[in-house]
Amino acid sequence: MKRFLIPLVIFGLVVAVLAAGLRHDPRRLPSALIGKTAPGFDLPRLDAANQTMSSDAMRGRVWILNVWASWCEACRDEHSVLMDFAASGAVPVYGLNYRDEREPALQWLATAGNPYVTSFFDRDGRTGIDYGVYGVPETFVIDRAGVVRYRQAGPLTRASIDRVILPLVGKLQKENARD
C-alpha cells in the first residue's frame, strides 16, 4: 500500500505547484529596475542611422520608453492606443525598436503612424536586455533623475494608461515642478 501512496503524494505536490503557478499573471513579471537608475544607452536613431542619441538627453524630464518591433503582433494591437496617448502630449514617448530590421520598422511607422518623439534602433537587442525586456511590447516610465518608476509588460491599454501611467506621470511631473 505504501508503494502506491508515495507516488500519489508526489503527484499531488506537483499538481499543487503547477496550479499555484497558473494563478500568476505573466504580465506582472517583476522588474529589478523599479526604483533604480535606468540603463544608459547611446543608440542610432531609427530614422537616421548616422545620428545617435543618448539616454542622457532625456535627463531632467519625465518620459516613456516603449519597446516595440514591426514583427510584433501585440505591438500592432497597442499601436492605436499608443498613438492617442502620444497625441495627448501628457509626456514624451520614445521608442526602442527591438531586434528588428530598419526598413520594415520605418515602413510600419510610415503606414500606421509614428507616436514617438524619436525611436532608437536596438538591432542586436542589447539595450532591451539591459532593461530586462522579456518580450515586446514593454513600456517604462522614467523620472527626470533617470530612475525607472514603472514597467508594463505587454500592450498598453486605455485602462492601464488612465489608471496607472497618467496618474504616475502627473505625480512625477508635480514633483518636478516643486524642485
N, C-alpha and C. Protein backbone atom coordinates (compact mmCIF):
# COMPACT_ATOMS: atom_id res chain seq x y z
N MET A 1 0.81 -1.20 0.00
CA MET A 1 0.00 0.00 0.00
C MET A 1 0.86 1.26 0.00
N LYS A 2 1.96 1.22 0.79
CA LYS A 2 2.83 2.40 0.88
C LYS A 2 3.49 2.73 -0.46
N ARG A 3 3.78 1.71 -1.25
CA ARG A 3 4.46 1.99 -2.52
C ARG A 3 3.54 2.74 -3.49
N PHE A 4 2.23 2.66 -3.33
CA PHE A 4 1.29 3.42 -4.15
C PHE A 4 1.05 4.81 -3.56
N LEU A 5 1.21 4.96 -2.29
CA LEU A 5 0.95 6.22 -1.61
C LEU A 5 2.02 7.28 -1.91
N ILE A 6 3.27 6.89 -1.96
CA ILE A 6 4.37 7.84 -2.20
C ILE A 6 4.23 8.50 -3.58
N PRO A 7 4.05 7.74 -4.68
CA PRO A 7 3.87 8.42 -5.97
C PRO A 7 2.62 9.32 -6.00
N LEU A 8 1.58 8.91 -5.31
CA LEU A 8 0.37 9.71 -5.26
C LEU A 8 0.61 11.04 -4.55
N VAL A 9 1.36 11.02 -3.47
CA VAL A 9 1.70 12.25 -2.74
C VAL A 9 2.58 13.15 -3.60
N ILE A 10 3.57 12.58 -4.27
CA ILE A 10 4.44 13.36 -5.15
C ILE A 10 3.63 13.98 -6.28
N PHE A 11 2.74 13.22 -6.88
CA PHE A 11 1.88 13.74 -7.94
C PHE A 11 1.03 14.90 -7.42
N GLY A 12 0.47 14.75 -6.23
CA GLY A 12 -0.34 15.82 -5.63
C GLY A 12 0.45 17.09 -5.41
N LEU A 13 1.70 16.97 -4.96
CA LEU A 13 2.56 18.14 -4.76
C LEU A 13 2.88 18.83 -6.08
N VAL A 14 3.17 18.05 -7.10
CA VAL A 14 3.46 18.63 -8.42
C VAL A 14 2.24 19.38 -8.95
N VAL A 15 1.06 18.81 -8.83
CA VAL A 15 -0.17 19.47 -9.27
C VAL A 15 -0.39 20.76 -8.49
N ALA A 16 -0.14 20.76 -7.20
CA ALA A 16 -0.33 21.97 -6.38
C ALA A 16 0.63 23.08 -6.81
N VAL A 17 1.88 22.73 -7.08
CA VAL A 17 2.86 23.74 -7.53
C VAL A 17 2.47 24.30 -8.88
N LEU A 18 2.07 23.45 -9.80
CA LEU A 18 1.66 23.92 -11.12
C LEU A 18 0.41 24.79 -11.04
N ALA A 19 -0.54 24.42 -10.22
CA ALA A 19 -1.76 25.21 -10.06
C ALA A 19 -1.44 26.58 -9.49
N ALA A 20 -0.53 26.65 -8.55
CA ALA A 20 -0.13 27.95 -7.98
C ALA A 20 0.51 28.82 -9.05
N GLY A 21 1.34 28.22 -9.90
CA GLY A 21 1.99 28.98 -10.97
C GLY A 21 1.02 29.51 -12.00
N LEU A 22 -0.05 28.79 -12.26
CA LEU A 22 -1.03 29.23 -13.26
C LEU A 22 -1.84 30.43 -12.78
N ARG A 23 -1.87 30.68 -11.51
CA ARG A 23 -2.63 31.82 -10.99
C ARG A 23 -1.89 33.14 -11.17
N HIS A 24 -0.63 33.11 -11.49
CA HIS A 24 0.13 34.34 -11.65
C HIS A 24 -0.04 34.91 -13.05
N ASP A 25 -0.20 36.21 -13.12
CA ASP A 25 -0.36 36.91 -14.39
C ASP A 25 1.03 37.10 -15.01
N PRO A 26 1.30 36.55 -16.20
CA PRO A 26 2.63 36.68 -16.80
C PRO A 26 2.98 38.12 -17.14
N ARG A 27 2.00 39.01 -17.21
CA ARG A 27 2.28 40.41 -17.50
C ARG A 27 2.77 41.15 -16.26
N ARG A 28 2.65 40.53 -15.12
CA ARG A 28 3.08 41.16 -13.88
C ARG A 28 4.45 40.63 -13.45
N LEU A 29 5.31 40.43 -14.43
CA LEU A 29 6.65 39.98 -14.13
C LEU A 29 7.38 41.11 -13.41
N PRO A 30 8.03 40.80 -12.33
CA PRO A 30 8.71 41.86 -11.59
C PRO A 30 9.90 42.40 -12.38
N SER A 31 10.19 43.65 -12.18
CA SER A 31 11.35 44.25 -12.82
C SER A 31 12.34 44.66 -11.73
N ALA A 32 13.56 44.22 -11.89
CA ALA A 32 14.61 44.58 -10.94
C ALA A 32 14.98 46.05 -11.07
N LEU A 33 14.50 46.71 -12.11
CA LEU A 33 14.88 48.11 -12.35
C LEU A 33 14.02 49.12 -11.60
N ILE A 34 12.84 48.72 -11.12
CA ILE A 34 11.96 49.68 -10.46
C ILE A 34 12.70 50.30 -9.28
N GLY A 35 12.76 51.63 -9.28
CA GLY A 35 13.45 52.35 -8.22
C GLY A 35 14.94 52.50 -8.45
N LYS A 36 15.42 52.00 -9.57
CA LYS A 36 16.85 52.10 -9.89
C LYS A 36 17.05 52.93 -11.15
N THR A 37 18.27 53.42 -11.31
CA THR A 37 18.59 54.21 -12.49
C THR A 37 18.46 53.35 -13.74
N ALA A 38 17.77 53.90 -14.72
CA ALA A 38 17.59 53.20 -16.00
C ALA A 38 18.95 53.01 -16.66
N PRO A 39 19.14 51.88 -17.32
CA PRO A 39 20.41 51.66 -18.03
C PRO A 39 20.64 52.75 -19.08
N GLY A 40 21.84 53.23 -19.14
CA GLY A 40 22.18 54.24 -20.13
C GLY A 40 22.35 53.61 -21.50
N PHE A 41 22.16 54.41 -22.53
CA PHE A 41 22.38 53.92 -23.88
C PHE A 41 22.78 55.07 -24.78
N ASP A 42 23.42 54.73 -25.85
CA ASP A 42 23.79 55.66 -26.91
C ASP A 42 23.55 54.88 -28.20
N LEU A 43 22.39 55.11 -28.81
CA LEU A 43 21.96 54.29 -29.94
C LEU A 43 21.69 55.14 -31.18
N PRO A 44 21.79 54.53 -32.35
CA PRO A 44 21.40 55.25 -33.56
C PRO A 44 19.88 55.46 -33.58
N ARG A 45 19.49 56.56 -34.16
CA ARG A 45 18.06 56.79 -34.37
C ARG A 45 17.58 55.86 -35.47
N LEU A 46 16.35 55.41 -35.35
CA LEU A 46 15.79 54.53 -36.37
C LEU A 46 15.70 55.25 -37.71
N ASP A 47 15.30 56.52 -37.68
CA ASP A 47 15.08 57.28 -38.92
C ASP A 47 16.34 57.94 -39.47
N ALA A 48 17.44 57.87 -38.74
CA ALA A 48 18.69 58.50 -39.19
C ALA A 48 19.86 57.69 -38.64
N ALA A 49 20.29 56.69 -39.40
CA ALA A 49 21.32 55.76 -38.93
C ALA A 49 22.63 56.44 -38.56
N ASN A 50 22.89 57.58 -39.16
CA ASN A 50 24.15 58.28 -38.88
C ASN A 50 24.08 59.19 -37.66
N GLN A 51 22.92 59.28 -37.03
CA GLN A 51 22.75 60.10 -35.83
C GLN A 51 22.48 59.21 -34.64
N THR A 52 23.20 59.46 -33.56
CA THR A 52 22.95 58.70 -32.34
C THR A 52 22.32 59.62 -31.31
N MET A 53 21.68 59.00 -30.35
CA MET A 53 21.07 59.76 -29.27
C MET A 53 21.31 58.99 -27.98
N SER A 54 21.58 59.72 -26.94
CA SER A 54 21.89 59.13 -25.66
C SER A 54 20.70 59.26 -24.71
N SER A 55 20.58 58.32 -23.80
CA SER A 55 19.54 58.41 -22.78
C SER A 55 19.75 59.65 -21.90
N ASP A 56 20.97 60.15 -21.84
CA ASP A 56 21.24 61.36 -21.06
C ASP A 56 20.48 62.57 -21.60
N ALA A 57 20.08 62.54 -22.87
CA ALA A 57 19.34 63.64 -23.47
C ALA A 57 17.96 63.82 -22.84
N MET A 58 17.45 62.79 -22.19
CA MET A 58 16.13 62.87 -21.57
C MET A 58 16.19 63.26 -20.09
N ARG A 59 17.38 63.36 -19.55
CA ARG A 59 17.51 63.75 -18.14
C ARG A 59 16.84 65.09 -17.90
N GLY A 60 16.21 65.19 -16.75
CA GLY A 60 15.55 66.44 -16.40
C GLY A 60 14.07 66.48 -16.75
N ARG A 61 13.56 65.39 -17.35
CA ARG A 61 12.12 65.33 -17.64
C ARG A 61 11.61 63.90 -17.48
N VAL A 62 10.33 63.81 -17.23
CA VAL A 62 9.67 62.52 -17.16
C VAL A 62 9.44 62.07 -18.60
N TRP A 63 9.67 60.79 -18.88
CA TRP A 63 9.49 60.28 -20.23
C TRP A 63 9.10 58.82 -20.22
N ILE A 64 8.57 58.38 -21.34
CA ILE A 64 8.14 57.00 -21.54
C ILE A 64 9.07 56.35 -22.56
N LEU A 65 9.46 55.11 -22.28
CA LEU A 65 10.19 54.30 -23.26
C LEU A 65 9.31 53.10 -23.60
N ASN A 66 8.90 53.04 -24.86
CA ASN A 66 8.06 51.94 -25.34
C ASN A 66 8.92 51.05 -26.24
N VAL A 67 9.07 49.79 -25.85
CA VAL A 67 9.87 48.83 -26.60
C VAL A 67 8.95 48.12 -27.59
N TRP A 68 9.30 48.15 -28.87
CA TRP A 68 8.42 47.65 -29.91
C TRP A 68 9.23 47.05 -31.07
N ALA A 69 8.52 46.36 -31.96
CA ALA A 69 9.13 45.82 -33.18
C ALA A 69 8.05 45.70 -34.25
N SER A 70 8.45 45.81 -35.50
CA SER A 70 7.49 45.73 -36.60
C SER A 70 6.92 44.32 -36.75
N TRP A 71 7.64 43.31 -36.31
CA TRP A 71 7.19 41.93 -36.43
C TRP A 71 6.27 41.50 -35.28
N CYS A 72 6.04 42.38 -34.34
CA CYS A 72 5.32 42.07 -33.11
C CYS A 72 3.82 42.33 -33.28
N GLU A 73 3.02 41.26 -33.21
CA GLU A 73 1.56 41.40 -33.34
C GLU A 73 0.96 42.20 -32.19
N ALA A 74 1.43 41.97 -30.97
CA ALA A 74 0.90 42.71 -29.82
C ALA A 74 1.23 44.20 -29.94
N CYS A 75 2.36 44.54 -30.56
CA CYS A 75 2.71 45.95 -30.78
C CYS A 75 1.70 46.59 -31.74
N ARG A 76 1.28 45.84 -32.72
CA ARG A 76 0.27 46.33 -33.67
C ARG A 76 -1.06 46.55 -32.94
N ASP A 77 -1.37 45.64 -32.01
CA ASP A 77 -2.61 45.77 -31.24
C ASP A 77 -2.62 47.03 -30.38
N GLU A 78 -1.48 47.37 -29.79
CA GLU A 78 -1.42 48.52 -28.90
C GLU A 78 -1.22 49.84 -29.65
N HIS A 79 -0.93 49.79 -30.93
CA HIS A 79 -0.49 50.98 -31.66
C HIS A 79 -1.51 52.13 -31.65
N SER A 80 -2.77 51.85 -31.85
CA SER A 80 -3.75 52.94 -31.87
C SER A 80 -3.86 53.60 -30.48
N VAL A 81 -3.76 52.80 -29.43
CA VAL A 81 -3.78 53.35 -28.06
C VAL A 81 -2.54 54.21 -27.84
N LEU A 82 -1.41 53.73 -28.31
CA LEU A 82 -0.16 54.48 -28.17
C LEU A 82 -0.20 55.78 -28.97
N MET A 83 -0.79 55.74 -30.15
CA MET A 83 -0.92 56.96 -30.97
C MET A 83 -1.76 58.01 -30.23
N ASP A 84 -2.89 57.60 -29.66
CA ASP A 84 -3.74 58.53 -28.91
C ASP A 84 -3.02 59.08 -27.69
N PHE A 85 -2.34 58.20 -26.98
CA PHE A 85 -1.59 58.61 -25.79
C PHE A 85 -0.52 59.63 -26.14
N ALA A 86 0.27 59.35 -27.16
CA ALA A 86 1.33 60.27 -27.57
C ALA A 86 0.75 61.61 -28.04
N ALA A 87 -0.38 61.56 -28.75
CA ALA A 87 -1.01 62.79 -29.26
C ALA A 87 -1.52 63.67 -28.13
N SER A 88 -1.80 63.07 -26.97
CA SER A 88 -2.29 63.87 -25.83
C SER A 88 -1.23 64.83 -25.33
N GLY A 89 0.04 64.53 -25.58
CA GLY A 89 1.12 65.41 -25.14
C GLY A 89 1.37 65.37 -23.64
N ALA A 90 0.81 64.40 -22.95
CA ALA A 90 0.97 64.32 -21.49
C ALA A 90 2.42 64.09 -21.09
N VAL A 91 3.15 63.36 -21.91
CA VAL A 91 4.54 63.01 -21.60
C VAL A 91 5.20 62.59 -22.91
N PRO A 92 6.48 62.91 -23.11
CA PRO A 92 7.14 62.47 -24.34
C PRO A 92 7.28 60.95 -24.37
N VAL A 93 6.98 60.37 -25.52
CA VAL A 93 7.08 58.92 -25.71
C VAL A 93 8.20 58.65 -26.71
N TYR A 94 9.18 57.87 -26.25
CA TYR A 94 10.29 57.45 -27.09
C TYR A 94 10.15 55.97 -27.36
N GLY A 95 10.62 55.54 -28.52
CA GLY A 95 10.54 54.14 -28.87
C GLY A 95 11.90 53.48 -28.84
N LEU A 96 11.92 52.22 -28.53
CA LEU A 96 13.11 51.39 -28.64
C LEU A 96 12.75 50.26 -29.58
N ASN A 97 13.19 50.38 -30.83
CA ASN A 97 12.91 49.36 -31.83
C ASN A 97 13.85 48.18 -31.57
N TYR A 98 13.26 47.09 -31.12
CA TYR A 98 13.98 45.96 -30.54
C TYR A 98 14.12 44.78 -31.49
N ARG A 99 15.36 44.39 -31.76
CA ARG A 99 15.67 43.21 -32.58
C ARG A 99 14.86 43.18 -33.88
N ASP A 100 14.96 44.24 -34.60
CA ASP A 100 14.16 44.43 -35.81
C ASP A 100 15.10 44.79 -36.96
N GLU A 101 14.55 44.90 -38.12
CA GLU A 101 15.25 45.40 -39.29
C GLU A 101 14.78 46.83 -39.54
N ARG A 102 15.69 47.68 -39.94
CA ARG A 102 15.39 49.11 -40.09
C ARG A 102 14.26 49.37 -41.10
N GLU A 103 14.33 48.79 -42.28
CA GLU A 103 13.34 49.11 -43.33
C GLU A 103 11.92 48.70 -42.96
N PRO A 104 11.68 47.47 -42.49
CA PRO A 104 10.31 47.13 -42.08
C PRO A 104 9.80 48.01 -40.94
N ALA A 105 10.69 48.39 -40.02
CA ALA A 105 10.28 49.24 -38.91
C ALA A 105 9.87 50.62 -39.41
N LEU A 106 10.67 51.20 -40.31
CA LEU A 106 10.34 52.51 -40.87
C LEU A 106 9.05 52.44 -41.69
N GLN A 107 8.89 51.35 -42.42
CA GLN A 107 7.68 51.17 -43.23
C GLN A 107 6.44 51.06 -42.33
N TRP A 108 6.57 50.33 -41.23
CA TRP A 108 5.45 50.19 -40.29
C TRP A 108 5.04 51.55 -39.75
N LEU A 109 6.01 52.38 -39.33
CA LEU A 109 5.69 53.70 -38.78
C LEU A 109 5.09 54.61 -39.85
N ALA A 110 5.59 54.50 -41.07
CA ALA A 110 5.04 55.33 -42.16
C ALA A 110 3.59 54.95 -42.47
N THR A 111 3.27 53.69 -42.35
CA THR A 111 1.92 53.21 -42.65
C THR A 111 0.96 53.44 -41.48
N ALA A 112 1.37 53.08 -40.28
CA ALA A 112 0.47 53.09 -39.12
C ALA A 112 0.50 54.39 -38.34
N GLY A 113 1.52 55.20 -38.56
CA GLY A 113 1.69 56.44 -37.81
C GLY A 113 2.84 56.29 -36.82
N ASN A 114 3.44 57.43 -36.50
CA ASN A 114 4.61 57.41 -35.63
C ASN A 114 4.30 58.16 -34.34
N PRO A 115 4.11 57.44 -33.23
CA PRO A 115 3.80 58.10 -31.97
C PRO A 115 5.03 58.60 -31.21
N TYR A 116 6.22 58.33 -31.72
CA TYR A 116 7.44 58.57 -30.96
C TYR A 116 8.09 59.92 -31.26
N VAL A 117 8.62 60.53 -30.21
CA VAL A 117 9.46 61.72 -30.40
C VAL A 117 10.61 61.30 -31.30
N THR A 118 11.23 60.20 -30.95
CA THR A 118 12.18 59.51 -31.81
C THR A 118 12.19 58.05 -31.37
N SER A 119 12.66 57.20 -32.25
CA SER A 119 12.78 55.79 -31.93
C SER A 119 14.23 55.40 -32.10
N PHE A 120 14.75 54.69 -31.12
CA PHE A 120 16.14 54.24 -31.14
C PHE A 120 16.19 52.85 -31.76
N PHE A 121 17.26 52.57 -32.48
CA PHE A 121 17.40 51.31 -33.20
C PHE A 121 18.30 50.38 -32.40
N ASP A 122 17.70 49.35 -31.81
CA ASP A 122 18.40 48.37 -30.98
C ASP A 122 18.44 47.04 -31.73
N ARG A 123 19.18 47.00 -32.82
CA ARG A 123 19.20 45.85 -33.73
C ARG A 123 19.57 44.55 -33.02
N ASP A 124 20.62 44.58 -32.19
CA ASP A 124 21.07 43.35 -31.55
C ASP A 124 20.35 43.06 -30.24
N GLY A 125 19.53 43.99 -29.77
CA GLY A 125 18.75 43.78 -28.57
C GLY A 125 19.48 43.99 -27.26
N ARG A 126 20.70 44.48 -27.29
CA ARG A 126 21.48 44.62 -26.05
C ARG A 126 20.86 45.62 -25.09
N THR A 127 20.37 46.73 -25.61
CA THR A 127 19.75 47.72 -24.72
C THR A 127 18.47 47.15 -24.12
N GLY A 128 17.69 46.46 -24.92
CA GLY A 128 16.49 45.81 -24.40
C GLY A 128 16.83 44.82 -23.29
N ILE A 129 17.88 44.06 -23.49
CA ILE A 129 18.32 43.12 -22.47
C ILE A 129 18.74 43.86 -21.20
N ASP A 130 19.43 45.00 -21.37
CA ASP A 130 19.82 45.81 -20.20
C ASP A 130 18.60 46.25 -19.40
N TYR A 131 17.49 46.49 -20.10
CA TYR A 131 16.25 46.89 -19.45
C TYR A 131 15.46 45.69 -18.92
N GLY A 132 15.94 44.50 -19.17
CA GLY A 132 15.26 43.32 -18.69
C GLY A 132 14.03 42.97 -19.50
N VAL A 133 14.02 43.35 -20.77
CA VAL A 133 12.86 43.09 -21.62
C VAL A 133 12.69 41.59 -21.83
N TYR A 134 11.50 41.10 -21.52
CA TYR A 134 11.15 39.70 -21.71
C TYR A 134 10.60 39.47 -23.10
N GLY A 135 9.96 40.47 -23.64
CA GLY A 135 9.33 40.39 -24.96
C GLY A 135 8.66 41.72 -25.24
N VAL A 136 8.31 41.93 -26.48
CA VAL A 136 7.70 43.20 -26.84
C VAL A 136 6.20 43.03 -26.96
N PRO A 137 5.44 44.07 -26.70
CA PRO A 137 5.87 45.39 -26.23
C PRO A 137 6.07 45.41 -24.71
N GLU A 138 6.89 46.33 -24.30
CA GLU A 138 7.05 46.67 -22.89
C GLU A 138 7.19 48.19 -22.82
N THR A 139 6.72 48.74 -21.72
CA THR A 139 6.73 50.20 -21.56
C THR A 139 7.28 50.55 -20.19
N PHE A 140 8.13 51.56 -20.15
CA PHE A 140 8.76 52.03 -18.93
C PHE A 140 8.44 53.50 -18.72
N VAL A 141 8.15 53.89 -17.47
CA VAL A 141 8.04 55.30 -17.10
C VAL A 141 9.32 55.64 -16.36
N ILE A 142 10.00 56.68 -16.82
CA ILE A 142 11.29 57.06 -16.26
C ILE A 142 11.19 58.50 -15.78
N ASP A 143 11.64 58.75 -14.56
CA ASP A 143 11.53 60.09 -13.99
C ASP A 143 12.69 60.98 -14.43
N ARG A 144 12.65 62.22 -14.01
CA ARG A 144 13.64 63.18 -14.51
C ARG A 144 15.06 62.90 -14.04
N ALA A 145 15.20 62.11 -12.96
CA ALA A 145 16.53 61.72 -12.49
C ALA A 145 17.03 60.47 -13.21
N GLY A 146 16.20 59.93 -14.11
CA GLY A 146 16.60 58.75 -14.85
C GLY A 146 16.29 57.45 -14.13
N VAL A 147 15.38 57.49 -13.17
CA VAL A 147 15.01 56.31 -12.39
C VAL A 147 13.75 55.68 -12.98
N VAL A 148 13.77 54.37 -13.15
CA VAL A 148 12.60 53.64 -13.65
C VAL A 148 11.57 53.60 -12.53
N ARG A 149 10.39 54.13 -12.81
CA ARG A 149 9.33 54.17 -11.80
C ARG A 149 8.21 53.18 -12.06
N TYR A 150 8.11 52.67 -13.29
CA TYR A 150 7.05 51.72 -13.62
C TYR A 150 7.44 50.96 -14.88
N ARG A 151 7.00 49.71 -14.93
CA ARG A 151 7.20 48.89 -16.13
C ARG A 151 5.92 48.11 -16.40
N GLN A 152 5.50 48.14 -17.65
CA GLN A 152 4.36 47.32 -18.05
C GLN A 152 4.82 46.37 -19.13
N ALA A 153 4.69 45.08 -18.86
CA ALA A 153 4.95 44.06 -19.87
C ALA A 153 3.64 43.83 -20.61
N GLY A 154 3.73 43.77 -21.92
CA GLY A 154 2.53 43.56 -22.72
C GLY A 154 1.99 44.88 -23.24
N PRO A 155 0.97 44.82 -24.07
CA PRO A 155 0.44 46.02 -24.72
C PRO A 155 -0.18 47.00 -23.74
N LEU A 156 0.01 48.27 -24.02
CA LEU A 156 -0.69 49.31 -23.29
C LEU A 156 -2.17 49.24 -23.65
N THR A 157 -2.99 49.53 -22.68
CA THR A 157 -4.43 49.64 -22.92
C THR A 157 -4.86 51.02 -22.44
N ARG A 158 -6.02 51.43 -22.89
CA ARG A 158 -6.56 52.71 -22.41
C ARG A 158 -6.69 52.68 -20.90
N ALA A 159 -7.13 51.54 -20.36
CA ALA A 159 -7.30 51.40 -18.91
C ALA A 159 -5.97 51.52 -18.18
N SER A 160 -4.92 50.88 -18.68
CA SER A 160 -3.63 50.95 -17.99
C SER A 160 -3.05 52.36 -18.05
N ILE A 161 -3.30 53.05 -19.14
CA ILE A 161 -2.84 54.43 -19.25
C ILE A 161 -3.60 55.32 -18.27
N ASP A 162 -4.93 55.19 -18.26
CA ASP A 162 -5.76 56.04 -17.39
C ASP A 162 -5.58 55.74 -15.90
N ARG A 163 -5.46 54.47 -15.56
CA ARG A 163 -5.43 54.08 -14.14
C ARG A 163 -4.05 54.11 -13.51
N VAL A 164 -3.00 53.87 -14.34
CA VAL A 164 -1.67 53.74 -13.76
C VAL A 164 -0.70 54.80 -14.31
N ILE A 165 -0.55 54.84 -15.61
CA ILE A 165 0.52 55.65 -16.19
C ILE A 165 0.26 57.15 -16.04
N LEU A 166 -0.92 57.62 -16.43
CA LEU A 166 -1.19 59.06 -16.32
C LEU A 166 -1.13 59.57 -14.88
N PRO A 167 -1.73 58.87 -13.90
CA PRO A 167 -1.58 59.35 -12.52
C PRO A 167 -0.12 59.38 -12.06
N LEU A 168 0.65 58.36 -12.45
CA LEU A 168 2.06 58.35 -12.06
C LEU A 168 2.83 59.48 -12.73
N VAL A 169 2.61 59.67 -14.01
CA VAL A 169 3.29 60.76 -14.74
C VAL A 169 2.91 62.10 -14.12
N GLY A 170 1.62 62.31 -13.82
CA GLY A 170 1.19 63.56 -13.18
C GLY A 170 1.89 63.79 -11.86
N LYS A 171 1.99 62.75 -11.06
CA LYS A 171 2.68 62.85 -9.77
C LYS A 171 4.15 63.19 -9.96
N LEU A 172 4.80 62.52 -10.89
CA LEU A 172 6.22 62.76 -11.14
C LEU A 172 6.46 64.17 -11.69
N GLN A 173 5.55 64.64 -12.53
CA GLN A 173 5.71 65.99 -13.08
C GLN A 173 5.48 67.05 -12.00
N LYS A 174 4.56 66.80 -11.07
CA LYS A 174 4.36 67.74 -9.96
C LYS A 174 5.58 67.78 -9.07
N GLU A 175 6.19 66.61 -8.84
CA GLU A 175 7.43 66.56 -8.07
C GLU A 175 8.50 67.38 -8.76
N ASN A 176 8.50 67.31 -10.09
CA ASN A 176 9.47 68.08 -10.86
C ASN A 176 9.26 69.57 -10.69
N ALA A 177 8.00 69.99 -10.65
CA ALA A 177 7.69 71.41 -10.55
C ALA A 177 8.12 71.98 -9.20
N ARG A 178 8.10 71.15 -8.16
CA ARG A 178 8.50 71.61 -6.83
C ARG A 178 10.00 71.76 -6.68
N ASP A 179 10.76 71.01 -7.47
CA ASP A 179 12.23 71.05 -7.32
C ASP A 179 12.83 72.25 -7.99
